[in-house]
Amino acid sequence: MMPVLLIALLVLVLPFPAHAATRGDVFRQAKAATALVVAVNDNAHSVSLGSGFFVNPDGLLITNAHVIEDHTRLFLYVEDQAVYAAPEVIAVDTDRDLAALRIRQGGVVSLALATDIPTEGTDVIAVGYPRASDIIQVGFTVHSSIVTGAVSGVAEHRSTTRDHSATFIVVTGVMNTGSSGGPLVLPDTGEVVGMVVTAVPYQELAKDRKGAVIGSVKLRSGLSYSIPAPVIRQWLASQRLESQLQPTPFGSGALPGLGREQQANRSFATGHLLHTMGMVLHKDSDLLNLAVGHYKAAGAIRPAMNALDRNLGLAYGALGRWEEALQAYQKAAEQTPDDAALLNDMGLAWQRTGRGERAADSYRAALRANPRFSLAHNNLGTLLWENGRLEDAIGEYRKALEIEPTAPIVAYNLGLALEAKGKREDAVYIWESFLRKTKLAPDPEGWTMKIRESMSRFQALPAVAHPSK
């Protein structure tokens, strides 16, 4: 009986083994912790797509500085489903090519940063968003990807601006543009050993069947470089952020699945990405139509999704499909009837479909909801001008410019209205005052340039000290 008793006691005393992460666990958690980073430059009409990863469940994310360089707007697409606009930029170091962002959202999946550089031959996976072209050209939904590789060694380099010594991990494995800022992860432990910086391109000659050169194609060499995790830790410490590092334990929570709700969220996020890109790239109709398709796919699964109908209306409006935009706005208003921005957009749809009275009602409803809504005053002014009420239009434009003195479209419209009223000196005064205030303020629509072009017609006019009342 004694041996049996000893075995029973050992079972009671020895601890149960901790949950061991499988390769699938690591893949899923690494993908869930990696976000798509989209940096928009409205002035240059450009969009930069990269990757980043969370190192804290409260929303601390790190990425490459070059991914967010020269942005006017930033978006994070988290778990391929949730869209976060205007994340806080905590720190940017162009010399080390590192940046830290934060969203105010608890419970995000995060990864651990390793303390050592991996040895040669170590298997690694790179997680990121290298295939945006599949979303744009083929129509896939937003999705992160994993590329397998192996550590080839380390390479020494000089930092970007201060010429400091910099060490990089060399990795074999084909990576494409869009992986920048994503994590380089150990597939057995889930630790991040580096951040992908760049893949090496090269030109390959393209030949016809007879061997004659007909052009060249840019390919990837199968080598990439990553910033080592210890360097990232050191930088975070210099920014007083290292104490915030907190990985999500494996098996501690549910990772995103592929249920119908997640499918709807992913379709919406994809529509939002395409919509954003389409608007930045001069209202590109192909991208906007793709966005509409993804929004509708999301709506077919979850008809009452917040913001879906509003965004669908905006996409239809950008395409000039105003009746469809109006229907989408009306549906959105059933959920948020006092949303001033939505009422203003609905007013524009009424106006574009030739129903001026309904447009005026909608603009005034927007102003009741938010009396200091400059754009609603501007749009109401334009509607009044179209109906021959120029003096009333000037009054609305003045209110709009008083609320938002740096709004170029308002300054432009007010100057034109004053010119139409025969008050050219007043128009010049408004435009000159606006240009002095704004100088190099962002103006993606080009209204400031239109103001300068309009002023060039009045160069022979004497300067004035005051506009007439």
Protein backbone atom coordinates (compact mmCIF):
# COMPACT_ATOMS: atom_id res chain seq x y z
CA MET A 1 0.00 0.00 0.00
CA MET A 2 2.93 2.34 0.69
CA PRO A 3 3.93 2.96 -2.98
CA VAL A 4 0.37 3.83 -3.88
CA LEU A 5 0.16 6.34 -1.05
CA LEU A 6 3.43 8.03 -2.06
CA ILE A 7 2.24 8.44 -5.64
CA ALA A 8 -1.01 10.01 -4.46
CA LEU A 9 0.87 12.50 -2.28
CA LEU A 10 3.15 13.50 -5.15
CA VAL A 11 0.14 14.21 -7.35
CA LEU A 12 -1.25 16.52 -4.69
CA VAL A 13 2.02 18.37 -4.02
CA LEU A 14 3.51 18.89 -7.49
CA PRO A 15 2.12 21.88 -9.44
CA PHE A 16 0.28 21.38 -12.69
CA PRO A 17 2.27 22.44 -15.77
CA ALA A 18 1.58 25.99 -17.04
CA HIS A 19 -0.25 26.46 -20.30
CA ALA A 20 2.26 25.91 -23.09
CA ALA A 21 1.85 28.07 -26.17
CA THR A 22 1.52 26.17 -29.41
CA ARG A 23 2.81 27.51 -32.72
CA GLY A 24 -0.81 28.32 -33.64
CA ASP A 25 -1.23 30.27 -30.38
CA VAL A 26 1.85 32.34 -31.21
CA PHE A 27 0.68 33.05 -34.74
CA ARG A 28 -2.77 34.13 -33.59
CA GLN A 29 -1.52 36.30 -30.75
CA ALA A 30 1.19 37.92 -32.87
CA LYS A 31 -1.34 38.81 -35.55
CA ALA A 32 -3.86 40.11 -32.99
CA ALA A 33 -1.18 42.39 -31.47
CA THR A 34 -0.09 43.78 -34.85
CA ALA A 35 -1.96 46.76 -36.25
CA LEU A 36 -2.11 48.37 -39.66
CA VAL A 37 -0.78 51.93 -39.44
CA VAL A 38 -2.08 54.36 -42.06
CA ALA A 39 -0.51 57.81 -42.31
CA VAL A 40 -2.27 60.34 -44.51
CA ASN A 41 -0.67 63.50 -45.86
CA ASP A 42 -3.60 65.57 -47.09
CA ASN A 43 -1.39 68.29 -48.53
CA ALA A 44 0.60 65.87 -50.69
CA HIS A 45 -2.44 63.63 -51.38
CA SER A 46 -0.41 60.63 -50.25
CA VAL A 47 -1.04 57.59 -48.06
CA SER A 48 1.63 55.55 -46.25
CA LEU A 49 0.78 52.04 -45.05
CA GLY A 50 2.90 50.25 -42.48
CA SER A 51 2.65 48.08 -39.41
CA GLY A 52 3.05 48.43 -35.66
CA PHE A 53 2.57 46.26 -32.60
CA PHE A 54 1.24 46.70 -29.09
CA VAL A 55 3.56 46.25 -26.12
CA ASN A 56 0.96 47.13 -23.50
CA PRO A 57 -2.70 46.04 -23.15
CA ASP A 58 -3.68 49.66 -22.52
CA GLY A 59 -2.84 50.62 -26.09
CA LEU A 60 0.88 51.50 -26.29
CA LEU A 61 2.08 50.71 -29.83
CA ILE A 62 5.49 51.05 -31.43
CA THR A 63 6.31 51.39 -35.11
CA ASN A 64 8.90 52.91 -37.45
CA ALA A 65 9.17 56.68 -37.53
CA HIS A 66 9.28 56.62 -41.33
CA VAL A 67 5.83 54.99 -41.43
CA ILE A 68 4.20 58.09 -39.88
CA GLU A 69 6.55 60.69 -41.37
CA ASP A 70 4.93 63.96 -42.51
CA HIS A 71 1.40 62.81 -41.68
CA THR A 72 -1.57 65.13 -41.24
CA ARG A 73 -3.85 62.29 -40.08
CA LEU A 74 -3.23 58.87 -38.57
CA PHE A 75 -5.37 55.73 -38.35
CA LEU A 76 -4.81 52.40 -36.64
CA TYR A 77 -6.67 49.29 -37.77
CA VAL A 78 -6.61 46.91 -34.83
CA GLU A 79 -7.24 43.16 -35.16
CA ASP A 80 -8.35 43.94 -38.74
CA GLN A 81 -11.69 45.11 -37.35
CA ALA A 82 -11.59 48.26 -35.19
CA VAL A 83 -10.62 51.67 -36.62
CA TYR A 84 -8.96 54.21 -34.33
CA ALA A 85 -8.58 57.73 -35.68
CA ALA A 86 -5.97 60.16 -34.38
CA PRO A 87 -3.94 57.96 -32.01
CA GLU A 88 -1.77 59.97 -29.64
CA VAL A 89 1.81 60.38 -30.88
CA ILE A 90 3.93 59.96 -27.75
CA ALA A 91 7.45 59.95 -29.17
CA VAL A 92 9.16 60.02 -32.57
CA ASP A 93 12.87 59.41 -33.15
CA THR A 94 13.80 59.76 -36.81
CA ASP A 95 17.43 58.94 -36.01
CA ARG A 96 16.57 55.49 -34.63
CA ASP A 97 13.50 55.21 -36.90
CA LEU A 98 11.23 54.49 -33.92
CA ALA A 99 7.90 55.94 -32.87
CA ALA A 100 5.45 55.29 -30.04
CA LEU A 101 1.68 55.80 -30.38
CA ARG A 102 -1.17 55.23 -27.98
CA ILE A 103 -4.88 54.55 -28.24
CA ARG A 104 -7.11 54.86 -25.20
CA GLN A 105 -8.41 51.33 -25.29
CA GLY A 106 -7.83 48.70 -22.65
CA GLY A 107 -7.64 45.00 -23.28
CA VAL A 108 -5.72 44.99 -26.56
CA VAL A 109 -3.45 42.02 -27.21
CA SER A 110 0.22 42.86 -26.60
CA LEU A 111 3.59 41.16 -27.08
CA ALA A 112 6.75 40.76 -24.98
CA LEU A 113 10.05 42.33 -26.05
CA ALA A 114 13.05 40.01 -25.78
CA THR A 115 16.15 41.08 -23.91
CA ASP A 116 18.70 39.45 -26.24
CA ILE A 117 19.49 39.33 -29.94
CA PRO A 118 18.74 35.85 -31.36
CA THR A 119 21.60 33.70 -32.60
CA GLU A 120 22.23 32.80 -36.22
CA GLY A 121 19.88 30.17 -37.58
CA THR A 122 17.03 31.03 -35.19
CA ASP A 123 13.64 30.65 -36.83
CA VAL A 124 11.52 33.82 -36.77
CA ILE A 125 8.24 35.06 -38.18
CA ALA A 126 7.55 38.59 -39.42
CA VAL A 127 4.03 39.88 -38.89
CA GLY A 128 2.60 42.83 -40.78
CA TYR A 129 0.58 44.19 -43.67
CA PRO A 130 2.76 43.74 -46.75
CA ARG A 131 -0.01 43.07 -49.27
CA ALA A 132 -2.21 46.17 -49.46
CA SER A 133 -2.33 45.59 -53.21
CA ASP A 134 -4.47 42.49 -52.59
CA ILE A 135 -7.06 44.70 -50.90
CA ILE A 136 -6.99 47.34 -53.61
CA GLN A 137 -6.70 45.18 -56.73
CA VAL A 138 -8.31 41.87 -55.80
CA GLY A 139 -10.88 42.98 -53.23
CA PHE A 140 -9.78 40.99 -50.16
CA THR A 141 -10.65 42.34 -46.72
CA VAL A 142 -7.95 43.81 -44.48
CA HIS A 143 -5.72 41.05 -43.14
CA SER A 144 -2.33 40.73 -41.54
CA SER A 145 0.19 38.23 -42.90
CA ILE A 146 3.02 36.12 -41.53
CA VAL A 147 6.30 35.49 -43.35
CA THR A 148 8.67 32.84 -42.04
CA GLY A 149 12.41 33.31 -42.05
CA ALA A 150 15.65 32.71 -40.21
CA VAL A 151 18.20 34.97 -38.56
CA SER A 152 21.20 35.25 -40.85
CA GLY A 153 23.29 37.34 -38.45
CA VAL A 154 23.72 40.99 -37.57
CA ALA A 155 24.90 43.97 -39.58
CA GLU A 156 26.32 47.26 -38.38
CA HIS A 157 25.07 50.52 -39.82
CA ARG A 158 24.97 54.23 -39.00
CA SER A 159 21.86 55.92 -37.64
CA THR A 160 19.81 58.13 -39.94
CA THR A 161 20.62 61.67 -38.77
CA ARG A 162 23.16 61.57 -35.93
CA ASP A 163 25.53 59.02 -37.43
CA HIS A 164 25.46 56.80 -34.35
CA SER A 165 26.44 53.15 -34.55
CA ALA A 166 23.37 50.98 -35.12
CA THR A 167 22.99 47.20 -35.09
CA PHE A 168 20.42 45.41 -37.25
CA ILE A 169 19.26 41.81 -37.35
CA VAL A 170 19.61 40.33 -40.84
CA VAL A 171 16.78 37.96 -41.75
CA THR A 172 16.32 35.69 -44.75
CA GLY A 173 12.73 35.60 -46.02
CA VAL A 174 10.89 37.63 -48.63
CA MET A 175 9.22 40.68 -47.10
CA ASN A 176 7.45 43.47 -48.94
CA THR A 177 6.61 47.11 -48.40
CA GLY A 178 4.05 47.42 -45.61
CA SER A 179 5.88 45.13 -43.19
CA SER A 180 7.82 48.10 -41.81
CA GLY A 181 7.15 48.56 -38.11
CA GLY A 182 5.85 45.04 -37.64
CA PRO A 183 7.27 42.58 -35.09
CA LEU A 184 9.86 39.89 -35.71
CA VAL A 185 8.69 37.08 -33.42
CA LEU A 186 10.07 33.80 -32.10
CA PRO A 187 7.54 31.16 -33.19
CA ASP A 188 8.04 28.98 -30.10
CA THR A 189 7.76 31.63 -27.35
CA GLY A 190 5.99 34.59 -28.98
CA GLU A 191 8.69 37.05 -27.88
CA VAL A 192 9.49 39.96 -30.17
CA VAL A 193 13.18 39.94 -31.08
CA GLY A 194 13.04 42.89 -33.47
CA MET A 195 11.07 45.34 -35.56
CA VAL A 196 11.11 45.03 -39.33
CA VAL A 197 12.61 48.12 -40.96
CA THR A 198 13.28 47.39 -44.59
CA ALA A 199 13.49 44.70 -47.23
CA VAL A 200 16.21 44.79 -49.86
CA PRO A 201 15.03 45.35 -53.44
CA TYR A 202 16.94 44.69 -56.60
CA GLN A 203 16.32 45.08 -60.32
CA GLU A 204 15.98 41.92 -62.40
CA LEU A 205 16.12 42.11 -66.17
CA ALA A 206 13.01 40.82 -67.93
CA LYS A 207 13.62 38.96 -71.20
CA ASP A 208 11.43 37.61 -73.96
CA ARG A 209 11.48 33.99 -75.11
CA LYS A 210 14.47 34.67 -77.33
CA GLY A 211 16.47 36.11 -74.48
CA ALA A 212 16.22 39.75 -75.54
CA VAL A 213 15.93 42.27 -72.69
CA ILE A 214 12.51 43.94 -72.72
CA GLY A 215 12.63 45.78 -69.39
CA SER A 216 13.33 45.38 -65.70
CA VAL A 217 11.30 44.28 -62.70
CA LYS A 218 11.87 45.25 -59.07
CA LEU A 219 12.03 42.13 -56.93
CA ARG A 220 12.86 41.36 -53.31
CA SER A 221 16.23 39.80 -52.57
CA GLY A 222 15.03 37.63 -49.69
CA LEU A 223 16.92 39.71 -47.12
CA SER A 224 15.48 42.16 -44.64
CA TYR A 225 16.71 44.14 -41.66
CA SER A 226 15.17 44.59 -38.23
CA ILE A 227 15.86 46.80 -35.22
CA PRO A 228 16.81 44.46 -32.34
CA ALA A 229 14.48 44.26 -29.34
CA PRO A 230 17.23 45.36 -26.87
CA VAL A 231 17.67 48.56 -28.89
CA ILE A 232 13.91 49.14 -28.76
CA ARG A 233 13.94 48.54 -25.00
CA GLN A 234 16.78 51.03 -24.59
CA TRP A 235 14.89 53.63 -26.61
CA LEU A 236 11.67 53.07 -24.65
CA ALA A 237 13.67 53.54 -21.45
CA SER A 238 15.01 56.85 -22.76
CA GLN A 239 11.40 57.88 -23.36
CA ARG A 240 10.39 56.66 -19.87
CA LEU A 241 8.12 54.07 -21.40
CA GLU A 242 9.91 50.80 -20.59
CA SER A 243 8.06 50.44 -17.28
CA GLN A 244 4.81 50.22 -19.24
CA LEU A 245 5.81 47.04 -21.11
CA GLN A 246 3.27 44.34 -20.33
CA PRO A 247 2.64 41.38 -22.63
CA THR A 248 -0.65 39.52 -22.80
CA PRO A 249 -0.17 36.03 -21.27
CA PHE A 250 -0.94 33.20 -23.65
CA GLY A 251 -4.33 31.67 -23.02
CA SER A 252 -5.48 34.61 -20.84
CA GLY A 253 -8.24 35.76 -23.15
CA ALA A 254 -10.13 35.05 -26.31
CA LEU A 255 -8.40 36.03 -29.53
CA PRO A 256 -10.42 37.35 -32.47
CA GLY A 257 -12.38 34.71 -34.33
CA LEU A 258 -14.11 34.54 -37.70
CA GLY A 259 -17.74 34.79 -36.59
CA ARG A 260 -20.31 36.87 -38.42
CA GLU A 261 -19.76 39.89 -36.19
CA GLN A 262 -16.02 39.79 -36.87
CA GLN A 263 -16.68 39.42 -40.60
CA ALA A 264 -18.89 42.50 -40.55
CA ASN A 265 -16.30 44.49 -38.59
CA ARG A 266 -13.56 43.44 -41.01
CA SER A 267 -15.63 44.45 -44.04
CA PHE A 268 -16.35 47.82 -42.44
CA ALA A 269 -12.67 48.38 -41.61
CA THR A 270 -11.73 47.49 -45.19
CA GLY A 271 -14.34 49.89 -46.53
CA HIS A 272 -13.01 52.62 -44.23
CA LEU A 273 -9.44 52.05 -45.45
CA LEU A 274 -10.42 52.15 -49.12
CA HIS A 275 -12.70 55.14 -48.51
CA THR A 276 -9.87 57.04 -46.79
CA MET A 277 -7.43 56.25 -49.58
CA GLY A 278 -9.95 57.11 -52.27
CA MET A 279 -10.68 60.55 -50.78
CA VAL A 280 -7.01 61.38 -50.33
CA LEU A 281 -6.17 60.29 -53.87
CA HIS A 282 -8.41 62.88 -55.53
CA LYS A 283 -11.68 61.00 -54.94
CA ASP A 284 -10.52 57.95 -56.85
CA SER A 285 -13.73 56.33 -58.09
CA ASP A 286 -12.33 52.79 -58.23
CA LEU A 287 -11.31 52.87 -54.57
CA LEU A 288 -14.57 54.52 -53.53
CA ASN A 289 -16.63 51.91 -55.37
CA LEU A 290 -14.65 49.16 -53.66
CA ALA A 291 -15.33 50.89 -50.33
CA VAL A 292 -19.06 50.96 -51.07
CA GLY A 293 -18.98 47.23 -51.79
CA HIS A 294 -17.32 46.44 -48.46
CA TYR A 295 -19.67 48.75 -46.54
CA LYS A 296 -22.66 47.00 -48.11
CA ALA A 297 -21.17 43.59 -47.27
CA ALA A 298 -20.83 44.71 -43.64
CA GLY A 299 -24.41 46.01 -43.63
CA ALA A 300 -25.75 42.75 -44.99
CA ILE A 301 -24.38 41.01 -41.90
CA ARG A 302 -24.99 43.74 -39.30
CA PRO A 303 -27.59 46.26 -40.55
CA ALA A 304 -27.46 48.40 -37.37
CA MET A 305 -23.68 48.84 -37.20
CA ASN A 306 -22.69 52.24 -35.83
CA ALA A 307 -21.23 54.65 -38.40
CA LEU A 308 -21.86 52.26 -41.30
CA ASP A 309 -24.69 54.20 -42.97
CA ARG A 310 -22.98 57.52 -42.36
CA ASN A 311 -19.79 56.32 -44.04
CA LEU A 312 -21.76 54.74 -46.85
CA GLY A 313 -23.49 58.06 -47.44
CA LEU A 314 -20.16 59.89 -47.54
CA ALA A 315 -18.79 57.40 -50.09
CA TYR A 316 -21.89 57.72 -52.27
CA GLY A 317 -21.65 61.50 -52.06
CA ALA A 318 -17.99 61.48 -53.12
CA LEU A 319 -19.07 59.43 -56.15
CA GLY A 320 -21.85 61.90 -56.97
CA ARG A 321 -24.55 59.30 -56.25
CA TRP A 322 -26.60 61.75 -54.18
CA GLU A 323 -29.92 59.92 -54.04
CA GLU A 324 -28.19 56.86 -52.60
CA ALA A 325 -26.22 59.09 -50.24
CA LEU A 326 -29.45 60.66 -49.02
CA GLN A 327 -31.01 57.28 -48.33
CA ALA A 328 -27.95 56.23 -46.33
CA TYR A 329 -27.95 59.48 -44.33
CA GLN A 330 -31.65 59.16 -43.52
CA LYS A 331 -31.07 55.65 -42.24
CA ALA A 332 -28.14 56.85 -40.13
CA ALA A 333 -30.28 59.67 -38.70
CA GLU A 334 -32.68 57.09 -37.27
CA GLN A 335 -29.91 56.17 -34.83
CA THR A 336 -28.40 59.64 -34.24
CA PRO A 337 -31.03 62.27 -35.09
CA ASP A 338 -29.15 65.13 -33.37
CA ASP A 339 -25.77 64.57 -34.98
CA ALA A 340 -24.84 68.00 -36.36
CA ALA A 341 -22.25 66.67 -38.83
CA LEU A 342 -24.72 64.10 -40.16
CA LEU A 343 -27.45 66.74 -40.54
CA ASN A 344 -25.02 68.95 -42.45
CA ASP A 345 -24.08 66.10 -44.79
CA MET A 346 -27.75 65.32 -45.29
CA GLY A 347 -28.36 68.97 -46.15
CA LEU A 348 -25.75 68.78 -48.87
CA ALA A 349 -27.43 65.64 -50.27
CA TRP A 350 -30.81 67.42 -50.30
CA GLN A 351 -29.15 70.38 -52.03
CA ARG A 352 -27.45 68.23 -54.65
CA THR A 353 -30.73 66.50 -55.46
CA GLY A 354 -32.45 69.85 -56.07
CA ARG A 355 -34.55 70.04 -52.89
CA GLY A 356 -33.42 73.37 -51.51
CA GLU A 357 -36.04 73.79 -48.81
CA ARG A 358 -35.23 70.42 -47.30
CA ALA A 359 -31.53 71.31 -47.50
CA ALA A 360 -32.09 74.59 -45.64
CA ASP A 361 -34.08 72.78 -42.96
CA SER A 362 -31.29 70.26 -42.53
CA TYR A 363 -28.55 72.92 -42.30
CA ARG A 364 -30.57 74.86 -39.72
CA ALA A 365 -31.16 71.66 -37.75
CA ALA A 366 -27.40 71.13 -37.75
CA LEU A 367 -26.90 74.66 -36.40
CA ARG A 368 -29.48 74.10 -33.68
CA ALA A 369 -27.55 71.02 -32.64
CA ASN A 370 -24.24 72.94 -32.84
CA PRO A 371 -24.56 76.74 -33.26
CA ARG A 372 -20.79 77.03 -33.83
CA PHE A 373 -20.68 74.62 -36.75
CA SER A 374 -18.74 76.67 -39.29
CA LEU A 375 -19.28 74.32 -42.24
CA ALA A 376 -23.07 74.33 -41.78
CA HIS A 377 -23.07 78.16 -41.87
CA ASN A 378 -20.93 77.98 -45.02
CA ASN A 379 -23.21 75.49 -46.75
CA LEU A 380 -26.32 77.41 -45.79
CA GLY A 381 -24.69 80.54 -47.18
CA THR A 382 -24.04 78.83 -50.51
CA LEU A 383 -27.65 77.61 -50.65
CA LEU A 384 -28.95 81.13 -49.96
CA TRP A 385 -26.71 82.54 -52.67
CA GLU A 386 -28.03 79.97 -55.15
CA ASN A 387 -31.53 81.20 -54.30
CA GLY A 388 -30.62 84.85 -54.99
CA ARG A 389 -30.27 85.89 -51.34
CA LEU A 390 -26.72 87.22 -51.60
CA GLU A 391 -26.87 89.51 -48.56
CA ASP A 392 -28.08 86.66 -46.35
CA ALA A 393 -25.37 84.43 -47.82
CA ILE A 394 -22.69 86.98 -46.90
CA GLY A 395 -24.06 87.01 -43.36
CA GLU A 396 -23.74 83.23 -43.08
CA TYR A 397 -20.22 83.27 -44.51
CA ARG A 398 -19.19 85.95 -42.01
CA LYS A 399 -20.53 83.85 -39.14
CA ALA A 400 -18.64 80.83 -40.45
CA LEU A 401 -15.36 82.75 -40.75
CA GLU A 402 -15.79 84.26 -37.29
CA ILE A 403 -16.12 80.74 -35.84
CA GLU A 404 -13.26 79.28 -37.89
CA PRO A 405 -10.96 82.09 -39.11
CA THR A 406 -8.56 79.66 -40.82
CA ALA A 407 -11.15 77.82 -42.94
CA PRO A 408 -9.99 78.39 -46.54
CA ILE A 409 -13.26 77.42 -48.24
CA VAL A 410 -15.18 79.93 -46.09
CA ALA A 411 -12.72 82.76 -46.78
CA TYR A 412 -12.86 81.97 -50.49
CA ASN A 413 -16.68 81.94 -50.59
CA LEU A 414 -17.01 85.14 -48.57
CA GLY A 415 -14.59 86.95 -50.87
CA LEU A 416 -16.46 85.78 -53.96
CA ALA A 417 -19.79 86.83 -52.47
CA LEU A 418 -18.45 90.28 -51.61
CA GLU A 419 -17.07 90.59 -55.13
CA ALA A 420 -20.47 89.63 -56.53
CA LYS A 421 -21.97 92.36 -54.33
CA GLY A 422 -19.60 94.86 -55.93
CA LYS A 423 -17.36 95.14 -52.84
CA ARG A 424 -14.02 94.20 -54.32
CA GLU A 425 -12.00 96.10 -51.70
CA ASP A 426 -13.78 94.14 -48.98
CA ALA A 427 -13.05 90.89 -50.78
CA VAL A 428 -9.33 91.74 -51.02
CA TYR A 429 -9.27 92.66 -47.34
CA ILE A 430 -10.88 89.34 -46.33
CA TRP A 431 -8.47 87.34 -48.48
CA GLU A 432 -5.36 89.23 -47.38
CA SER A 433 -6.36 88.87 -43.73
CA PHE A 434 -6.94 85.16 -44.20
CA LEU A 435 -3.56 84.62 -45.88
CA ARG A 436 -1.76 86.50 -43.10
CA LYS A 437 -3.41 84.31 -40.46
CA THR A 438 -2.92 80.96 -42.13
CA LYS A 439 0.41 81.25 -43.98
CA LEU A 440 1.29 77.58 -44.56
CA ALA A 441 -1.77 76.00 -42.93
CA PRO A 442 -2.90 72.66 -44.45
CA ASP A 443 -5.30 73.01 -47.36
CA PRO A 444 -5.71 69.71 -49.22
CA GLU A 445 -8.56 71.00 -51.39
CA GLY A 446 -6.52 73.90 -52.76
CA TRP A 447 -8.82 76.76 -51.71
CA THR A 448 -5.87 78.92 -50.65
CA MET A 449 -4.45 78.67 -54.15
CA LYS A 450 -7.83 79.72 -55.54
CA ILE A 451 -7.80 82.72 -53.23
CA ARG A 452 -4.37 83.74 -54.53
CA GLU A 453 -5.54 83.31 -58.11
CA SER A 454 -8.62 85.45 -57.43
CA MET A 455 -6.51 88.14 -55.77
CA SER A 456 -4.26 88.31 -58.83
CA ARG A 457 -7.20 89.83 -60.69
CA PHE A 458 -7.20 92.75 -58.26
CA GLN A 459 -3.52 93.64 -58.20
CA ALA A 460 -4.20 97.11 -59.59
CA LEU A 461 -6.57 97.96 -56.71
CA PRO A 462 -5.22 100.19 -53.89
CA ALA A 463 -4.81 98.63 -50.45
CA VAL A 464 -7.60 99.31 -47.96
CA ALA A 465 -7.49 99.61 -44.19
CA HIS A 466 -11.01 98.49 -43.39
CA PRO A 467 -13.83 96.75 -45.17
CA SER A 468 -17.00 98.73 -45.50
CA LYS A 469 -19.94 97.54 -43.38
